[in-house]
């Protein structure tokens, strides 16, 4: 890859790109290129960090983690118990970096004024 404008630290960019799970997604590469192009042409002091942070901000990781891929369905357990367990797991995920990353963003993303409302279900 060649840049018309000299880019110091490009090895960090290539290292990040090589470790990024893009799964052949050309649109993600376009987003990164657009962010980098913008940073270079606006003379941002750290264009690589700008592109990386911008991509992270506007992209959600949709990989299914081992934790979220399967749920612990069991015989003899009532639906209300399973629903409560699911809501607890959803709350934990929403607060994590893989989810929304903060309580405020999780509340907005899930549509709750208070995230603890998510756990207000009947438990058996």
N, C-alpha and C. Protein backbone atom coordinates (compact mmCIF):
# COMPACT_ATOMS: atom_id res chain seq x y z
N UNK A 1 0.85 -1.17 0.00
CA UNK A 1 0.00 0.00 0.00
C UNK A 1 0.90 1.23 0.00
N UNK A 2 0.59 2.17 -0.87
CA UNK A 2 1.36 3.41 -0.95
C UNK A 2 0.46 4.58 -0.61
N UNK A 3 1.05 5.55 0.05
CA UNK A 3 0.32 6.75 0.43
C UNK A 3 0.92 7.93 -0.31
N UNK A 4 0.07 8.81 -0.83
CA UNK A 4 0.55 10.01 -1.53
C UNK A 4 1.20 10.98 -0.55
N UNK A 5 0.74 10.93 0.70
CA UNK A 5 1.29 11.77 1.76
C UNK A 5 2.11 10.85 2.67
N UNK A 6 3.34 11.26 3.04
CA UNK A 6 4.15 10.41 3.92
C UNK A 6 3.39 10.09 5.22
N UNK A 7 3.45 8.84 5.62
CA UNK A 7 2.70 8.38 6.79
C UNK A 7 3.66 7.72 7.76
N UNK A 8 4.02 8.43 8.80
CA UNK A 8 4.91 7.83 9.79
C UNK A 8 4.11 6.87 10.66
N UNK A 9 4.73 5.80 11.05
CA UNK A 9 4.06 4.82 11.88
C UNK A 9 3.14 3.88 11.12
N UNK A 10 3.32 3.80 9.80
CA UNK A 10 2.41 2.96 9.01
C UNK A 10 2.54 1.48 9.38
N UNK A 11 3.68 1.08 9.95
CA UNK A 11 3.81 -0.32 10.35
C UNK A 11 2.80 -0.67 11.43
N UNK A 12 2.48 0.28 12.31
CA UNK A 12 1.47 0.05 13.35
C UNK A 12 0.10 -0.15 12.71
N UNK A 13 -0.17 0.62 11.67
CA UNK A 13 -1.43 0.48 10.95
C UNK A 13 -1.54 -0.90 10.31
N UNK A 14 -0.47 -1.34 9.64
CA UNK A 14 -0.50 -2.65 8.99
C UNK A 14 -0.59 -3.77 10.00
N UNK A 15 0.06 -3.62 11.14
CA UNK A 15 -0.03 -4.64 12.19
C UNK A 15 -1.47 -4.72 12.69
N UNK A 16 -2.10 -3.57 12.91
CA UNK A 16 -3.49 -3.55 13.37
C UNK A 16 -4.41 -4.18 12.32
N UNK A 17 -4.21 -3.83 11.05
CA UNK A 17 -5.03 -4.39 9.98
C UNK A 17 -4.87 -5.90 9.87
N UNK A 18 -3.65 -6.39 10.04
CA UNK A 18 -3.41 -7.83 9.95
C UNK A 18 -4.10 -8.60 11.07
N UNK A 19 -4.30 -7.96 12.22
CA UNK A 19 -4.94 -8.63 13.35
C UNK A 19 -6.43 -8.36 13.44
N UNK A 20 -6.95 -7.55 12.53
CA UNK A 20 -8.36 -7.19 12.55
C UNK A 20 -9.18 -8.27 11.84
N UNK A 21 -10.21 -8.81 12.51
CA UNK A 21 -11.02 -9.86 11.88
C UNK A 21 -12.04 -9.26 10.91
N UNK A 22 -11.59 -8.92 9.72
CA UNK A 22 -12.48 -8.29 8.74
C UNK A 22 -13.31 -9.30 7.97
N UNK A 23 -12.90 -10.53 7.95
CA UNK A 23 -13.67 -11.59 7.27
C UNK A 23 -14.02 -11.23 5.84
N UNK A 24 -13.08 -10.62 5.13
CA UNK A 24 -13.31 -10.29 3.72
C UNK A 24 -14.26 -9.13 3.50
N UNK A 25 -14.49 -8.34 4.51
CA UNK A 25 -15.43 -7.25 4.41
C UNK A 25 -14.75 -6.02 3.81
N UNK A 26 -15.02 -5.78 2.55
CA UNK A 26 -14.42 -4.66 1.83
C UNK A 26 -14.90 -3.31 2.38
N UNK A 27 -16.13 -3.25 2.85
CA UNK A 27 -16.68 -2.00 3.37
C UNK A 27 -15.91 -1.52 4.60
N UNK A 28 -15.49 -2.45 5.45
CA UNK A 28 -14.70 -2.06 6.62
C UNK A 28 -13.37 -1.45 6.19
N UNK A 29 -12.75 -2.03 5.17
CA UNK A 29 -11.50 -1.45 4.66
C UNK A 29 -11.74 -0.06 4.08
N UNK A 30 -12.87 0.11 3.41
CA UNK A 30 -13.22 1.43 2.88
C UNK A 30 -13.38 2.45 4.00
N UNK A 31 -14.05 2.06 5.09
CA UNK A 31 -14.23 2.96 6.24
C UNK A 31 -12.88 3.39 6.79
N UNK A 32 -11.99 2.43 6.93
CA UNK A 32 -10.66 2.73 7.47
C UNK A 32 -9.92 3.68 6.53
N UNK A 33 -9.98 3.41 5.24
CA UNK A 33 -9.30 4.26 4.25
C UNK A 33 -9.87 5.67 4.26
N UNK A 34 -11.18 5.81 4.37
CA UNK A 34 -11.81 7.13 4.40
C UNK A 34 -11.40 7.89 5.66
N UNK A 35 -11.39 7.21 6.79
CA UNK A 35 -10.96 7.86 8.03
C UNK A 35 -9.50 8.30 7.95
N UNK A 36 -8.66 7.44 7.41
CA UNK A 36 -7.25 7.77 7.27
C UNK A 36 -7.06 8.93 6.29
N UNK A 37 -7.78 8.89 5.19
CA UNK A 37 -7.71 9.97 4.20
C UNK A 37 -8.12 11.31 4.83
N UNK A 38 -9.20 11.29 5.58
CA UNK A 38 -9.67 12.51 6.25
C UNK A 38 -8.61 13.02 7.23
N UNK A 39 -8.06 12.13 8.04
CA UNK A 39 -7.05 12.53 9.02
C UNK A 39 -5.82 13.14 8.34
N UNK A 40 -5.40 12.55 7.24
CA UNK A 40 -4.22 13.06 6.54
C UNK A 40 -4.48 14.43 5.93
N UNK A 41 -5.63 14.60 5.33
CA UNK A 41 -5.93 15.86 4.65
C UNK A 41 -6.33 16.98 5.59
N UNK A 42 -6.73 16.66 6.80
CA UNK A 42 -7.00 17.69 7.80
C UNK A 42 -5.80 17.90 8.71
N UNK A 43 -4.70 17.20 8.37
CA UNK A 43 -3.44 17.30 9.11
C UNK A 43 -3.61 16.97 10.59
N UNK A 44 -4.34 15.92 10.85
CA UNK A 44 -4.51 15.44 12.22
C UNK A 44 -3.15 15.04 12.76
N UNK A 45 -2.84 15.35 14.03
CA UNK A 45 -1.51 15.04 14.56
C UNK A 45 -1.17 13.55 14.61
N UNK A 46 -2.17 12.69 14.71
CA UNK A 46 -1.93 11.24 14.75
C UNK A 46 -2.97 10.55 13.87
N UNK A 47 -2.76 10.56 12.54
CA UNK A 47 -3.79 10.03 11.63
C UNK A 47 -4.08 8.55 11.82
N UNK A 48 -3.08 7.76 12.20
CA UNK A 48 -3.32 6.32 12.38
C UNK A 48 -4.25 6.08 13.57
N UNK A 49 -3.97 6.72 14.70
CA UNK A 49 -4.86 6.57 15.86
C UNK A 49 -6.26 7.09 15.56
N UNK A 50 -6.33 8.18 14.78
CA UNK A 50 -7.63 8.72 14.39
C UNK A 50 -8.42 7.68 13.60
N UNK A 51 -7.77 7.04 12.64
CA UNK A 51 -8.45 6.04 11.81
C UNK A 51 -8.86 4.82 12.63
N UNK A 52 -7.95 4.35 13.47
CA UNK A 52 -8.24 3.16 14.30
C UNK A 52 -9.38 3.46 15.27
N UNK A 53 -9.29 4.57 15.98
CA UNK A 53 -10.33 4.90 16.97
C UNK A 53 -11.66 5.20 16.29
N UNK A 54 -11.61 5.86 15.13
CA UNK A 54 -12.84 6.11 14.40
C UNK A 54 -13.51 4.84 13.95
N UNK A 55 -12.71 3.90 13.47
CA UNK A 55 -13.27 2.61 13.04
C UNK A 55 -13.89 1.87 14.22
N UNK A 56 -13.19 1.86 15.35
CA UNK A 56 -13.71 1.18 16.54
C UNK A 56 -15.00 1.82 17.01
N UNK A 57 -15.09 3.14 16.93
CA UNK A 57 -16.27 3.86 17.40
C UNK A 57 -17.50 3.56 16.54
N UNK A 58 -17.31 3.47 15.23
CA UNK A 58 -18.44 3.31 14.33
C UNK A 58 -18.71 1.87 13.94
N UNK A 59 -17.92 0.96 14.42
CA UNK A 59 -18.11 -0.45 14.08
C UNK A 59 -18.39 -1.24 15.35
N UNK A 60 -19.36 -2.07 15.26
CA UNK A 60 -19.67 -2.98 16.37
C UNK A 60 -19.12 -4.35 16.05
N UNK A 61 -18.54 -4.96 17.04
CA UNK A 61 -18.04 -6.32 16.85
C UNK A 61 -19.24 -7.25 16.91
N UNK A 62 -19.53 -7.91 15.80
CA UNK A 62 -20.69 -8.80 15.75
C UNK A 62 -20.29 -10.26 15.85
N UNK A 63 -19.03 -10.50 16.20
CA UNK A 63 -18.62 -11.89 16.39
C UNK A 63 -19.40 -12.49 17.54
N UNK A 64 -19.77 -13.71 17.41
CA UNK A 64 -20.48 -14.39 18.48
C UNK A 64 -19.45 -15.03 19.39
N UNK A 65 -19.44 -14.59 20.62
CA UNK A 65 -18.47 -15.12 21.57
C UNK A 65 -18.96 -16.45 22.10
N UNK A 66 -18.05 -17.18 22.69
CA UNK A 66 -18.41 -18.48 23.27
C UNK A 66 -19.46 -18.29 24.35
N UNK A 67 -19.37 -17.16 25.07
CA UNK A 67 -20.32 -16.89 26.15
C UNK A 67 -21.72 -16.65 25.61
N UNK A 68 -21.83 -15.93 24.50
CA UNK A 68 -23.15 -15.58 23.99
C UNK A 68 -23.69 -16.57 22.97
N UNK A 69 -22.84 -17.44 22.44
CA UNK A 69 -23.26 -18.35 21.37
C UNK A 69 -24.29 -19.36 21.85
N UNK A 70 -24.08 -19.89 23.03
CA UNK A 70 -25.00 -20.89 23.54
C UNK A 70 -25.58 -20.42 24.85
N UNK A 71 -26.79 -20.80 25.09
CA UNK A 71 -27.38 -20.43 26.37
C UNK A 71 -27.69 -21.70 27.13
N UNK A 72 -27.68 -21.60 28.42
CA UNK A 72 -27.78 -22.77 29.28
C UNK A 72 -29.24 -23.20 29.45
N UNK A 73 -29.82 -23.79 28.40
CA UNK A 73 -31.16 -24.33 28.51
C UNK A 73 -31.10 -25.66 29.24
N UNK A 74 -32.02 -25.85 30.18
CA UNK A 74 -32.02 -27.07 30.97
C UNK A 74 -33.45 -27.56 31.14
N UNK A 75 -33.60 -28.85 31.20
CA UNK A 75 -34.92 -29.44 31.47
C UNK A 75 -35.30 -29.18 32.92
N UNK A 76 -36.58 -28.98 33.11
CA UNK A 76 -37.09 -28.80 34.47
C UNK A 76 -36.94 -27.38 35.00
N UNK A 77 -36.44 -26.47 34.20
CA UNK A 77 -36.29 -25.08 34.65
C UNK A 77 -37.39 -24.26 34.00
N UNK A 78 -38.04 -23.46 34.80
CA UNK A 78 -39.17 -22.68 34.29
C UNK A 78 -38.69 -21.56 33.38
N UNK A 79 -39.59 -21.15 32.49
CA UNK A 79 -39.30 -20.09 31.53
C UNK A 79 -38.89 -18.80 32.22
N UNK A 80 -39.53 -18.47 33.32
CA UNK A 80 -39.20 -17.22 34.02
C UNK A 80 -37.76 -17.24 34.54
N UNK A 81 -37.30 -18.40 34.97
CA UNK A 81 -35.92 -18.51 35.44
C UNK A 81 -34.94 -18.34 34.28
N UNK A 82 -35.24 -19.00 33.16
CA UNK A 82 -34.38 -18.86 31.98
C UNK A 82 -34.36 -17.42 31.47
N UNK A 83 -35.53 -16.77 31.49
CA UNK A 83 -35.60 -15.38 31.03
C UNK A 83 -34.76 -14.48 31.95
N UNK A 84 -34.84 -14.70 33.24
CA UNK A 84 -34.05 -13.89 34.18
C UNK A 84 -32.55 -14.12 33.95
N UNK A 85 -32.14 -15.36 33.77
CA UNK A 85 -30.72 -15.66 33.51
C UNK A 85 -30.26 -14.99 32.22
N UNK A 86 -31.12 -15.02 31.20
CA UNK A 86 -30.79 -14.38 29.94
C UNK A 86 -30.62 -12.87 30.13
N UNK A 87 -31.52 -12.26 30.89
CA UNK A 87 -31.45 -10.82 31.11
C UNK A 87 -30.21 -10.44 31.91
N UNK A 88 -29.81 -11.26 32.85
CA UNK A 88 -28.57 -11.02 33.60
C UNK A 88 -27.38 -11.06 32.64
N UNK A 89 -27.35 -12.08 31.77
CA UNK A 89 -26.26 -12.22 30.80
C UNK A 89 -26.28 -11.05 29.81
N UNK A 90 -27.46 -10.63 29.38
CA UNK A 90 -27.57 -9.48 28.47
C UNK A 90 -27.05 -8.22 29.13
N UNK A 91 -27.37 -8.01 30.40
CA UNK A 91 -26.89 -6.84 31.13
C UNK A 91 -25.37 -6.86 31.22
N UNK A 92 -24.80 -8.01 31.56
CA UNK A 92 -23.34 -8.13 31.64
C UNK A 92 -22.69 -7.84 30.30
N UNK A 93 -23.26 -8.40 29.22
CA UNK A 93 -22.73 -8.15 27.89
C UNK A 93 -22.83 -6.67 27.53
N UNK A 94 -23.97 -6.06 27.79
CA UNK A 94 -24.19 -4.66 27.43
C UNK A 94 -23.19 -3.73 28.10
N UNK A 95 -22.78 -4.05 29.31
CA UNK A 95 -21.82 -3.23 30.05
C UNK A 95 -20.38 -3.49 29.62
N UNK A 96 -20.14 -4.62 28.98
CA UNK A 96 -18.77 -4.99 28.59
C UNK A 96 -18.31 -4.21 27.36
N UNK A 97 -17.02 -4.29 27.07
CA UNK A 97 -16.46 -3.64 25.89
C UNK A 97 -17.01 -4.25 24.60
N UNK A 98 -17.35 -5.52 24.63
CA UNK A 98 -17.93 -6.16 23.44
C UNK A 98 -19.34 -5.66 23.17
N UNK A 99 -20.01 -5.17 24.21
CA UNK A 99 -21.36 -4.63 24.07
C UNK A 99 -21.30 -3.13 23.84
N UNK A 100 -21.93 -2.39 24.74
CA UNK A 100 -21.98 -0.94 24.61
C UNK A 100 -20.84 -0.24 25.35
N UNK A 101 -20.23 -0.92 26.31
CA UNK A 101 -19.05 -0.38 26.98
C UNK A 101 -19.30 0.57 28.13
N UNK A 102 -20.51 1.04 28.31
CA UNK A 102 -20.82 1.90 29.45
C UNK A 102 -22.30 1.76 29.80
N UNK A 103 -22.61 2.12 31.03
CA UNK A 103 -24.00 1.99 31.48
C UNK A 103 -24.91 2.92 30.68
N UNK A 104 -24.47 4.15 30.45
CA UNK A 104 -25.28 5.12 29.71
C UNK A 104 -25.56 4.65 28.29
N UNK A 105 -24.53 4.18 27.59
CA UNK A 105 -24.71 3.71 26.21
C UNK A 105 -25.57 2.45 26.17
N UNK A 106 -25.42 1.59 27.18
CA UNK A 106 -26.22 0.36 27.24
C UNK A 106 -27.69 0.70 27.44
N UNK A 107 -27.97 1.66 28.32
CA UNK A 107 -29.35 2.08 28.56
C UNK A 107 -29.96 2.64 27.29
N UNK A 108 -29.21 3.46 26.57
CA UNK A 108 -29.71 4.04 25.32
C UNK A 108 -29.92 2.96 24.27
N UNK A 109 -28.94 2.07 24.13
CA UNK A 109 -29.00 1.03 23.11
C UNK A 109 -30.10 0.01 23.34
N UNK A 110 -30.36 -0.30 24.60
CA UNK A 110 -31.38 -1.30 24.92
C UNK A 110 -32.75 -0.67 25.19
N UNK A 111 -32.79 0.66 25.27
CA UNK A 111 -34.07 1.35 25.45
C UNK A 111 -34.59 1.35 26.87
N UNK A 112 -33.71 1.43 27.85
CA UNK A 112 -34.11 1.50 29.26
C UNK A 112 -33.62 2.79 29.87
N UNK A 113 -34.47 3.44 30.70
CA UNK A 113 -34.00 4.64 31.41
C UNK A 113 -33.00 4.25 32.48
N UNK A 114 -33.21 3.11 33.10
CA UNK A 114 -32.29 2.57 34.10
C UNK A 114 -32.03 1.12 33.73
N UNK A 115 -30.78 0.76 33.60
CA UNK A 115 -30.43 -0.58 33.14
C UNK A 115 -30.93 -1.67 34.08
N UNK A 116 -31.07 -1.34 35.37
CA UNK A 116 -31.56 -2.34 36.32
C UNK A 116 -33.01 -2.73 36.07
N UNK A 117 -33.75 -1.92 35.28
CA UNK A 117 -35.11 -2.30 34.89
C UNK A 117 -35.12 -3.60 34.10
N UNK A 118 -34.02 -3.85 33.42
CA UNK A 118 -33.89 -5.07 32.62
C UNK A 118 -34.06 -6.32 33.49
N UNK A 119 -33.68 -6.21 34.75
CA UNK A 119 -33.71 -7.37 35.65
C UNK A 119 -35.04 -7.50 36.41
N UNK A 120 -35.96 -6.58 36.18
CA UNK A 120 -37.24 -6.63 36.89
C UNK A 120 -38.20 -7.57 36.17
N UNK A 121 -38.00 -8.85 36.39
CA UNK A 121 -38.89 -9.89 35.86
C UNK A 121 -39.21 -10.84 37.02
N UNK A 122 -40.29 -11.54 36.87
CA UNK A 122 -40.68 -12.51 37.88
C UNK A 122 -39.68 -13.66 37.90
N UNK A 123 -39.17 -13.96 39.09
CA UNK A 123 -38.26 -15.10 39.24
C UNK A 123 -38.97 -16.19 40.04
N UNK A 124 -38.75 -17.41 39.65
CA UNK A 124 -39.34 -18.54 40.40
C UNK A 124 -38.36 -19.04 41.44
